[in-house]
Amino acid sequence: EDFAAVDWRRLGRLIEAHAQFPAHTNVEFV
């Protein structure tokens, strides 16, 4: 709902290399 209220860069870094994405993933915050 608000980009400023979310540390989306930290989350993006964590999700990109998450173990459940074996080929890694692009991450979009919408």
Full PDB file with SEQRES, HELIX, SHEET, SSBOND, CRYST1, ORIGX, SCALE, CONECT and MASTER records, all heavy atoms in Angstrom:
SEQRES   1 A   30  GLU ASP PHE ALA ALA VAL ASP TRP ARG ARG LEU GLY ARG          
SEQRES   2 A   30  LEU ILE GLU ALA HIS ALA GLN PHE PRO ALA HIS THR ASN          
SEQRES   3 A   30  VAL GLU PHE VAL                                              
HELIX    1 AA1 PHE A    3  ALA A    5  5                                   3    
HELIX    2 AA2 TRP A    8  GLU A   16  1                                   9    
CRYST1    1.000    1.000    1.000  90.00  90.00  90.00 P 1           1          
ORIGX1      1.000000  0.000000  0.000000        0.00000                         
ORIGX2      0.000000  1.000000  0.000000        0.00000                         
ORIGX3      0.000000  0.000000  1.000000        0.00000                         
SCALE1      1.000000  0.000000  0.000000        0.00000                         
SCALE2      0.000000  1.000000  0.000000        0.00000                         
SCALE3      0.000000  0.000000  1.000000        0.00000                         
ATOM      1  N   GLU A   1       0.818  -1.215   0.000  1.00  0.00           N  
ATOM      2  CA  GLU A   1       0.000   0.000   0.000  1.00  0.00           C  
ATOM      3  C   GLU A   1       0.846   1.255   0.000  1.00  0.00           C  
ATOM      4  O   GLU A   1       0.404   2.312  -0.445  1.00  0.00           O  
ATOM      5  CB  GLU A   1      -0.935  -0.001   1.210  1.00  0.00           C  
ATOM      6  CG  GLU A   1      -1.993  -1.100   1.163  1.00  0.00           C  
ATOM      7  CD  GLU A   1      -2.976  -1.004   2.311  1.00  0.00           C  
ATOM      8  OE1 GLU A   1      -2.842  -0.061   3.127  1.00  0.00           O  
ATOM      9  OE2 GLU A   1      -3.885  -1.848   2.397  1.00  0.00           O  
ATOM     10  N   ASP A   2       2.099   1.148   0.501  1.00  0.00           N  
ATOM     11  CA  ASP A   2       2.963   2.325   0.622  1.00  0.00           C  
ATOM     12  C   ASP A   2       4.408   1.860   0.534  1.00  0.00           C  
ATOM     13  O   ASP A   2       4.870   1.114   1.396  1.00  0.00           O  
ATOM     14  CB  ASP A   2       2.705   3.028   1.956  1.00  0.00           C  
ATOM     15  CG  ASP A   2       3.515   4.304   2.127  1.00  0.00           C  
ATOM     16  OD1 ASP A   2       4.290   4.642   1.210  1.00  0.00           O  
ATOM     17  OD2 ASP A   2       3.388   4.942   3.183  1.00  0.00           O  
ATOM     18  N   PHE A   3       5.121   2.273  -0.510  1.00  0.00           N  
ATOM     19  CA  PHE A   3       6.512   1.864  -0.662  1.00  0.00           C  
ATOM     20  C   PHE A   3       7.376   2.345   0.500  1.00  0.00           C  
ATOM     21  O   PHE A   3       8.304   1.659   0.923  1.00  0.00           O  
ATOM     22  CB  PHE A   3       7.087   2.404  -1.981  1.00  0.00           C  
ATOM     23  CG  PHE A   3       6.449   1.818  -3.208  1.00  0.00           C  
ATOM     24  CD1 PHE A   3       5.773   2.629  -4.109  1.00  0.00           C  
ATOM     25  CD2 PHE A   3       6.514   0.459  -3.470  1.00  0.00           C  
ATOM     26  CE1 PHE A   3       5.185   2.099  -5.242  1.00  0.00           C  
ATOM     27  CE2 PHE A   3       5.926  -0.086  -4.599  1.00  0.00           C  
ATOM     28  CZ  PHE A   3       5.258   0.730  -5.492  1.00  0.00           C  
ATOM     29  N   ALA A   4       7.079   3.524   1.010  1.00  0.00           N  
ATOM     30  CA  ALA A   4       7.889   4.097   2.087  1.00  0.00           C  
ATOM     31  C   ALA A   4       7.754   3.313   3.386  1.00  0.00           C  
ATOM     32  O   ALA A   4       8.629   3.380   4.249  1.00  0.00           O  
ATOM     33  CB  ALA A   4       7.496   5.557   2.314  1.00  0.00           C  
ATOM     34  N   ALA A   5       6.661   2.572   3.518  1.00  0.00           N  
ATOM     35  CA  ALA A   5       6.422   1.821   4.756  1.00  0.00           C  
ATOM     36  C   ALA A   5       6.996   0.412   4.701  1.00  0.00           C  
ATOM     37  O   ALA A   5       6.902  -0.333   5.680  1.00  0.00           O  
ATOM     38  CB  ALA A   5       4.923   1.743   5.038  1.00  0.00           C  
ATOM     39  N   VAL A   6       7.596   0.055   3.576  1.00  0.00           N  
ATOM     40  CA  VAL A   6       8.125  -1.298   3.384  1.00  0.00           C  
ATOM     41  C   VAL A   6       9.596  -1.216   2.990  1.00  0.00           C  
ATOM     42  O   VAL A   6       9.957  -0.431   2.103  1.00  0.00           O  
ATOM     43  CB  VAL A   6       7.334  -2.035   2.279  1.00  0.00           C  
ATOM     44  CG1 VAL A   6       7.908  -3.426   2.038  1.00  0.00           C  
ATOM     45  CG2 VAL A   6       5.860  -2.113   2.631  1.00  0.00           C  
ATOM     46  N   ASP A   7      10.434  -2.003   3.631  1.00  0.00           N  
ATOM     47  CA  ASP A   7      11.844  -2.085   3.236  1.00  0.00           C  
ATOM     48  C   ASP A   7      11.941  -3.061   2.064  1.00  0.00           C  
ATOM     49  O   ASP A   7      12.417  -4.191   2.192  1.00  0.00           O  
ATOM     50  CB  ASP A   7      12.702  -2.552   4.415  1.00  0.00           C  
ATOM     51  CG  ASP A   7      14.200  -2.437   4.123  1.00  0.00           C  
ATOM     52  OD1 ASP A   7      14.566  -2.112   2.970  1.00  0.00           O  
ATOM     53  OD2 ASP A   7      14.998  -2.699   5.040  1.00  0.00           O  
ATOM     54  N   TRP A   8      11.464  -2.600   0.909  1.00  0.00           N  
ATOM     55  CA  TRP A   8      11.348  -3.509  -0.222  1.00  0.00           C  
ATOM     56  C   TRP A   8      12.695  -3.933  -0.799  1.00  0.00           C  
ATOM     57  O   TRP A   8      12.801  -5.019  -1.394  1.00  0.00           O  
ATOM     58  CB  TRP A   8      10.454  -2.897  -1.307  1.00  0.00           C  
ATOM     59  CG  TRP A   8      10.930  -1.602  -1.909  1.00  0.00           C  
ATOM     60  CD1 TRP A   8      10.618  -0.352  -1.509  1.00  0.00           C  
ATOM     61  CD2 TRP A   8      11.798  -1.465  -3.043  1.00  0.00           C  
ATOM     62  NE1 TRP A   8      11.226   0.575  -2.317  1.00  0.00           N  
ATOM     63  CE2 TRP A   8      11.958  -0.086  -3.262  1.00  0.00           C  
ATOM     64  CE3 TRP A   8      12.442  -2.365  -3.887  1.00  0.00           C  
ATOM     65  CZ2 TRP A   8      12.759   0.419  -4.301  1.00  0.00           C  
ATOM     66  CZ3 TRP A   8      13.225  -1.876  -4.919  1.00  0.00           C  
ATOM     67  CH2 TRP A   8      13.376  -0.501  -5.113  1.00  0.00           C  
ATOM     68  N   ARG A   9      13.716  -3.143  -0.620  1.00  0.00           N  
ATOM     69  CA  ARG A   9      15.046  -3.559  -1.093  1.00  0.00           C  
ATOM     70  C   ARG A   9      15.548  -4.756  -0.294  1.00  0.00           C  
ATOM     71  O   ARG A   9      16.123  -5.698  -0.855  1.00  0.00           O  
ATOM     72  CB  ARG A   9      16.019  -2.388  -1.012  1.00  0.00           C  
ATOM     73  CG  ARG A   9      15.669  -1.227  -1.946  1.00  0.00           C  
ATOM     74  CD  ARG A   9      16.609  -0.048  -1.756  1.00  0.00           C  
ATOM     75  NE  ARG A   9      16.274   1.066  -2.642  1.00  0.00           N  
ATOM     76  CZ  ARG A   9      15.389   2.019  -2.345  1.00  0.00           C  
ATOM     77  NH1 ARG A   9      14.734   1.982  -1.169  1.00  0.00           N  
ATOM     78  NH2 ARG A   9      15.141   2.997  -3.199  1.00  0.00           N  
ATOM     79  N   ARG A  10      15.366  -4.720   1.012  1.00  0.00           N  
ATOM     80  CA  ARG A  10      15.759  -5.860   1.844  1.00  0.00           C  
ATOM     81  C   ARG A  10      14.946  -7.094   1.461  1.00  0.00           C  
ATOM     82  O   ARG A  10      15.495  -8.192   1.288  1.00  0.00           O  
ATOM     83  CB  ARG A  10      15.533  -5.538   3.323  1.00  0.00           C  
ATOM     84  CG  ARG A  10      15.889  -6.701   4.283  1.00  0.00           C  
ATOM     85  CD  ARG A  10      15.496  -6.385   5.717  1.00  0.00           C  
ATOM     86  NE  ARG A  10      14.045  -6.392   5.904  1.00  0.00           N  
ATOM     87  CZ  ARG A  10      13.343  -7.501   6.198  1.00  0.00           C  
ATOM     88  NH1 ARG A  10      13.952  -8.673   6.323  1.00  0.00           N  
ATOM     89  NH2 ARG A  10      12.038  -7.431   6.349  1.00  0.00           N  
ATOM     90  N   LEU A  11      13.642  -6.906   1.305  1.00  0.00           N  
ATOM     91  CA  LEU A  11      12.788  -8.020   0.928  1.00  0.00           C  
ATOM     92  C   LEU A  11      13.147  -8.557  -0.458  1.00  0.00           C  
ATOM     93  O   LEU A  11      13.160  -9.773  -0.690  1.00  0.00           O  
ATOM     94  CB  LEU A  11      11.321  -7.589   0.967  1.00  0.00           C  
ATOM     95  CG  LEU A  11      10.753  -7.241   2.341  1.00  0.00           C  
ATOM     96  CD1 LEU A  11       9.344  -6.679   2.209  1.00  0.00           C  
ATOM     97  CD2 LEU A  11      10.763  -8.458   3.255  1.00  0.00           C  
ATOM     98  N   GLY A  12      13.426  -7.661  -1.386  1.00  0.00           N  
ATOM     99  CA  GLY A  12      13.797  -8.086  -2.726  1.00  0.00           C  
ATOM    100  C   GLY A  12      15.038  -8.942  -2.725  1.00  0.00           C  
ATOM    101  O   GLY A  12      15.107  -9.979  -3.406  1.00  0.00           O  
ATOM    102  N   ARG A  13      16.030  -8.528  -1.947  1.00  0.00           N  
ATOM    103  CA  ARG A  13      17.278  -9.291  -1.850  1.00  0.00           C  
ATOM    104  C   ARG A  13      17.022 -10.685  -1.272  1.00  0.00           C  
ATOM    105  O   ARG A  13      17.573 -11.686  -1.755  1.00  0.00           O  
ATOM    106  CB  ARG A  13      18.277  -8.525  -0.984  1.00  0.00           C  
ATOM    107  CG  ARG A  13      19.679  -9.111  -0.974  1.00  0.00           C  
ATOM    108  CD  ARG A  13      20.617  -8.264  -0.139  1.00  0.00           C  
ATOM    109  NE  ARG A  13      20.838  -6.948  -0.743  1.00  0.00           N  
ATOM    110  CZ  ARG A  13      20.327  -5.808  -0.276  1.00  0.00           C  
ATOM    111  NH1 ARG A  13      19.556  -5.814   0.802  1.00  0.00           N  
ATOM    112  NH2 ARG A  13      20.588  -4.670  -0.876  1.00  0.00           N  
ATOM    113  N   LEU A  14      16.157 -10.756  -0.261  1.00  0.00           N  
ATOM    114  CA  LEU A  14      15.858 -12.042   0.365  1.00  0.00           C  
ATOM    115  C   LEU A  14      15.067 -12.951  -0.568  1.00  0.00           C  
ATOM    116  O   LEU A  14      15.345 -14.156  -0.674  1.00  0.00           O  
ATOM    117  CB  LEU A  14      15.055 -11.823   1.652  1.00  0.00           C  
ATOM    118  CG  LEU A  14      15.792 -11.201   2.846  1.00  0.00           C  
ATOM    119  CD1 LEU A  14      14.818 -10.929   3.977  1.00  0.00           C  
ATOM    120  CD2 LEU A  14      16.918 -12.123   3.318  1.00  0.00           C  
ATOM    121  N   ILE A  15      14.082 -12.386  -1.251  1.00  0.00           N  
ATOM    122  CA  ILE A  15      13.219 -13.204  -2.101  1.00  0.00           C  
ATOM    123  C   ILE A  15      13.950 -13.657  -3.359  1.00  0.00           C  
ATOM    124  O   ILE A  15      13.763 -14.788  -3.834  1.00  0.00           O  
ATOM    125  CB  ILE A  15      11.934 -12.429  -2.455  1.00  0.00           C  
ATOM    126  CG1 ILE A  15      11.124 -12.130  -1.188  1.00  0.00           C  
ATOM    127  CG2 ILE A  15      11.086 -13.214  -3.449  1.00  0.00           C  
ATOM    128  CD1 ILE A  15       9.950 -11.192  -1.409  1.00  0.00           C  
ATOM    129  N   GLU A  16      14.788 -12.788  -3.945  1.00  0.00           N  
ATOM    130  CA  GLU A  16      15.503 -13.138  -5.182  1.00  0.00           C  
ATOM    131  C   GLU A  16      16.216 -14.477  -5.047  1.00  0.00           C  
ATOM    132  O   GLU A  16      16.150 -15.325  -5.946  1.00  0.00           O  
ATOM    133  CB  GLU A  16      16.531 -12.057  -5.536  1.00  0.00           C  
ATOM    134  CG  GLU A  16      17.374 -12.427  -6.749  1.00  0.00           C  
ATOM    135  CD  GLU A  16      18.656 -11.614  -6.872  1.00  0.00           C  
ATOM    136  OE1 GLU A  16      18.910 -10.743  -6.030  1.00  0.00           O  
ATOM    137  OE2 GLU A  16      19.408 -11.872  -7.829  1.00  0.00           O  
ATOM    138  N   ALA A  17      16.911 -14.686  -3.939  1.00  0.00           N  
ATOM    139  CA  ALA A  17      17.719 -15.892  -3.754  1.00  0.00           C  
ATOM    140  C   ALA A  17      17.058 -16.893  -2.809  1.00  0.00           C  
ATOM    141  O   ALA A  17      17.725 -17.772  -2.277  1.00  0.00           O  
ATOM    142  CB  ALA A  17      19.098 -15.503  -3.219  1.00  0.00           C  
ATOM    143  N   HIS A  18      15.752 -16.783  -2.621  1.00  0.00           N  
ATOM    144  CA  HIS A  18      15.043 -17.671  -1.697  1.00  0.00           C  
ATOM    145  C   HIS A  18      15.159 -19.129  -2.172  1.00  0.00           C  
ATOM    146  O   HIS A  18      15.114 -19.418  -3.380  1.00  0.00           O  
ATOM    147  CB  HIS A  18      13.569 -17.267  -1.624  1.00  0.00           C  
ATOM    148  CG  HIS A  18      12.838 -17.840  -0.458  1.00  0.00           C  
ATOM    149  ND1 HIS A  18      12.420 -19.146  -0.416  1.00  0.00           N  
ATOM    150  CD2 HIS A  18      12.448 -17.281   0.719  1.00  0.00           C  
ATOM    151  CE1 HIS A  18      11.793 -19.384   0.727  1.00  0.00           C  
ATOM    152  NE2 HIS A  18      11.797 -18.261   1.438  1.00  0.00           N  
ATOM    153  N   ALA A  19      15.286 -20.046  -1.230  1.00  0.00           N  
ATOM    154  CA  ALA A  19      15.466 -21.459  -1.554  1.00  0.00           C  
ATOM    155  C   ALA A  19      14.300 -22.032  -2.346  1.00  0.00           C  
ATOM    156  O   ALA A  19      14.463 -23.026  -3.066  1.00  0.00           O  
ATOM    157  CB  ALA A  19      15.663 -22.259  -0.267  1.00  0.00           C  
ATOM    158  N   GLN A  20      13.130 -21.438  -2.241  1.00  0.00           N  
ATOM    159  CA  GLN A  20      11.972 -21.947  -2.983  1.00  0.00           C  
ATOM    160  C   GLN A  20      11.976 -21.514  -4.445  1.00  0.00           C  
ATOM    161  O   GLN A  20      11.128 -21.964  -5.225  1.00  0.00           O  
ATOM    162  CB  GLN A  20      10.668 -21.526  -2.303  1.00  0.00           C  
ATOM    163  CG  GLN A  20      10.426 -22.279  -0.991  1.00  0.00           C  
ATOM    164  CD  GLN A  20       9.054 -22.008  -0.404  1.00  0.00           C  
ATOM    165  OE1 GLN A  20       8.938 -21.572   0.739  1.00  0.00           O  
ATOM    166  NE2 GLN A  20       8.006 -22.266  -1.169  1.00  0.00           N  
ATOM    167  N   PHE A  21      12.934 -20.654  -4.837  1.00  0.00           N  
ATOM    168  CA  PHE A  21      13.119 -20.273  -6.238  1.00  0.00           C  
ATOM    169  C   PHE A  21      14.472 -20.809  -6.693  1.00  0.00           C  
ATOM    170  O   PHE A  21      15.488 -20.118  -6.593  1.00  0.00           O  
ATOM    171  CB  PHE A  21      13.041 -18.755  -6.408  1.00  0.00           C  
ATOM    172  CG  PHE A  21      11.674 -18.185  -6.138  1.00  0.00           C  
ATOM    173  CD1 PHE A  21      11.385 -17.570  -4.930  1.00  0.00           C  
ATOM    174  CD2 PHE A  21      10.679 -18.277  -7.096  1.00  0.00           C  
ATOM    175  CE1 PHE A  21      10.127 -17.046  -4.674  1.00  0.00           C  
ATOM    176  CE2 PHE A  21       9.416 -17.749  -6.856  1.00  0.00           C  
ATOM    177  CZ  PHE A  21       9.137 -17.143  -5.641  1.00  0.00           C  
ATOM    178  N   PRO A  22      14.543 -22.032  -7.181  1.00  0.00           N  
ATOM    179  CA  PRO A  22      15.836 -22.659  -7.495  1.00  0.00           C  
ATOM    180  C   PRO A  22      16.626 -21.946  -8.587  1.00  0.00           C  
ATOM    181  O   PRO A  22      17.855 -22.064  -8.639  1.00  0.00           O  
ATOM    182  CB  PRO A  22      15.440 -24.079  -7.923  1.00  0.00           C  
ATOM    183  CG  PRO A  22      14.001 -23.980  -8.316  1.00  0.00           C  
ATOM    184  CD  PRO A  22      13.407 -22.928  -7.419  1.00  0.00           C  
ATOM    185  N   ALA A  23      15.957 -21.220  -9.471  1.00  0.00           N  
ATOM    186  CA  ALA A  23      16.643 -20.454 -10.516  1.00  0.00           C  
ATOM    187  C   ALA A  23      16.722 -18.972 -10.156  1.00  0.00           C  
ATOM    188  O   ALA A  23      17.031 -18.149 -11.005  1.00  0.00           O  
ATOM    189  CB  ALA A  23      15.935 -20.629 -11.860  1.00  0.00           C  
ATOM    190  N   HIS A  24      16.430 -18.645  -8.863  1.00  0.00           N  
ATOM    191  CA  HIS A  24      16.290 -17.268  -8.392  1.00  0.00           C  
ATOM    192  C   HIS A  24      15.102 -16.616  -9.102  1.00  0.00           C  
ATOM    193  O   HIS A  24      14.483 -17.199  -9.990  1.00  0.00           O  
ATOM    194  CB  HIS A  24      17.580 -16.480  -8.584  1.00  0.00           C  
ATOM    195  CG  HIS A  24      18.683 -16.947  -7.681  1.00  0.00           C  
ATOM    196  ND1 HIS A  24      19.828 -16.211  -7.461  1.00  0.00           N  
ATOM    197  CD2 HIS A  24      18.844 -18.079  -6.936  1.00  0.00           C  
ATOM    198  CE1 HIS A  24      20.632 -16.853  -6.637  1.00  0.00           C  
ATOM    199  NE2 HIS A  24      20.057 -18.000  -6.307  1.00  0.00           N  
ATOM    200  N   THR A  25      14.776 -15.397  -8.722  1.00  0.00           N  
ATOM    201  CA  THR A  25      13.590 -14.764  -9.297  1.00  0.00           C  
ATOM    202  C   THR A  25      13.727 -13.254  -9.324  1.00  0.00           C  
ATOM    203  O   THR A  25      14.445 -12.662  -8.504  1.00  0.00           O  
ATOM    204  CB  THR A  25      12.327 -15.142  -8.486  1.00  0.00           C  
ATOM    205  OG1 THR A  25      11.168 -14.578  -9.129  1.00  0.00           O  
ATOM    206  CG2 THR A  25      12.401 -14.617  -7.054  1.00  0.00           C  
ATOM    207  N   ASN A  26      13.045 -12.634 -10.277  1.00  0.00           N  
ATOM    208  CA  ASN A  26      12.835 -11.193 -10.238  1.00  0.00           C  
ATOM    209  C   ASN A  26      11.747 -10.916  -9.213  1.00  0.00           C  
ATOM    210  O   ASN A  26      10.830 -11.728  -9.038  1.00  0.00           O  
ATOM    211  CB  ASN A  26      12.395 -10.662 -11.604  1.00  0.00           C  
ATOM    212  CG  ASN A  26      13.436 -10.888 -12.676  1.00  0.00           C  
ATOM    213  OD1 ASN A  26      14.632 -10.916 -12.414  1.00  0.00           O  
ATOM    214  ND2 ASN A  26      12.978 -11.080 -13.898  1.00  0.00           N  
ATOM    215  N   VAL A  27      11.830  -9.773  -8.542  1.00  0.00           N  
ATOM    216  CA  VAL A  27      10.856  -9.441  -7.506  1.00  0.00           C  
ATOM    217  C   VAL A  27      10.266  -8.070  -7.819  1.00  0.00           C  
ATOM    218  O   VAL A  27      11.007  -7.096  -8.011  1.00  0.00           O  
ATOM    219  CB  VAL A  27      11.491  -9.427  -6.103  1.00  0.00           C  
ATOM    220  CG1 VAL A  27      10.403  -9.305  -5.035  1.00  0.00           C  
ATOM    221  CG2 VAL A  27      12.338 -10.681  -5.873  1.00  0.00           C  
ATOM    222  N   GLU A  28       8.932  -8.005  -7.866  1.00  0.00           N  
ATOM    223  CA  GLU A  28       8.237  -6.744  -8.124  1.00  0.00           C  
ATOM    224  C   GLU A  28       7.350  -6.393  -6.930  1.00  0.00           C  
ATOM    225  O   GLU A  28       6.602  -7.254  -6.443  1.00  0.00           O  
ATOM    226  CB  GLU A  28       7.365  -6.843  -9.384  1.00  0.00           C  
ATOM    227  CG  GLU A  28       8.142  -6.909 -10.688  1.00  0.00           C  
ATOM    228  CD  GLU A  28       8.609  -8.304 -11.030  1.00  0.00           C  
ATOM    229  OE1 GLU A  28       7.866  -9.267 -10.729  1.00  0.00           O  
ATOM    230  OE2 GLU A  28       9.711  -8.441 -11.601  1.00  0.00           O  
ATOM    231  N   PHE A  29       7.437  -5.154  -6.510  1.00  0.00           N  
ATOM    232  CA  PHE A  29       6.584  -4.641  -5.439  1.00  0.00           C  
ATOM    233  C   PHE A  29       5.569  -3.718  -6.101  1.00  0.00           C  
ATOM    234  O   PHE A  29       5.945  -2.747  -6.767  1.00  0.00           O  
ATOM    235  CB  PHE A  29       7.422  -3.930  -4.384  1.00  0.00           C  
ATOM    236  CG  PHE A  29       8.391  -4.868  -3.713  1.00  0.00           C  
ATOM    237  CD1 PHE A  29       9.647  -5.110  -4.266  1.00  0.00           C  
ATOM    238  CD2 PHE A  29       8.040  -5.542  -2.546  1.00  0.00           C  
ATOM    239  CE1 PHE A  29      10.529  -6.001  -3.675  1.00  0.00           C  
ATOM    240  CE2 PHE A  29       8.916  -6.424  -1.944  1.00  0.00           C  
ATOM    241  CZ  PHE A  29      10.161  -6.657  -2.504  1.00  0.00           C  
ATOM    242  N   VAL A  30       4.296  -4.041  -5.923  1.00  0.00           N  
ATOM    243  CA  VAL A  30       3.230  -3.441  -6.720  1.00  0.00           C  
ATOM    244  C   VAL A  30       2.249  -2.680  -5.824  1.00  0.00           C  
ATOM    245  O   VAL A  30       1.728  -3.239  -4.857  1.00  0.00           O  
ATOM    246  CB  VAL A  30       2.462  -4.529  -7.504  1.00  0.00           C  
ATOM    247  CG1 VAL A  30       1.429  -3.882  -8.428  1.00  0.00           C  
ATOM    248  CG2 VAL A  30       3.422  -5.422  -8.283  1.00  0.00           C  
TER     249      VAL A  30                                                      
MASTER        0    0    0    2    0    0    0    6  248    1    0    3          
END                                                                             
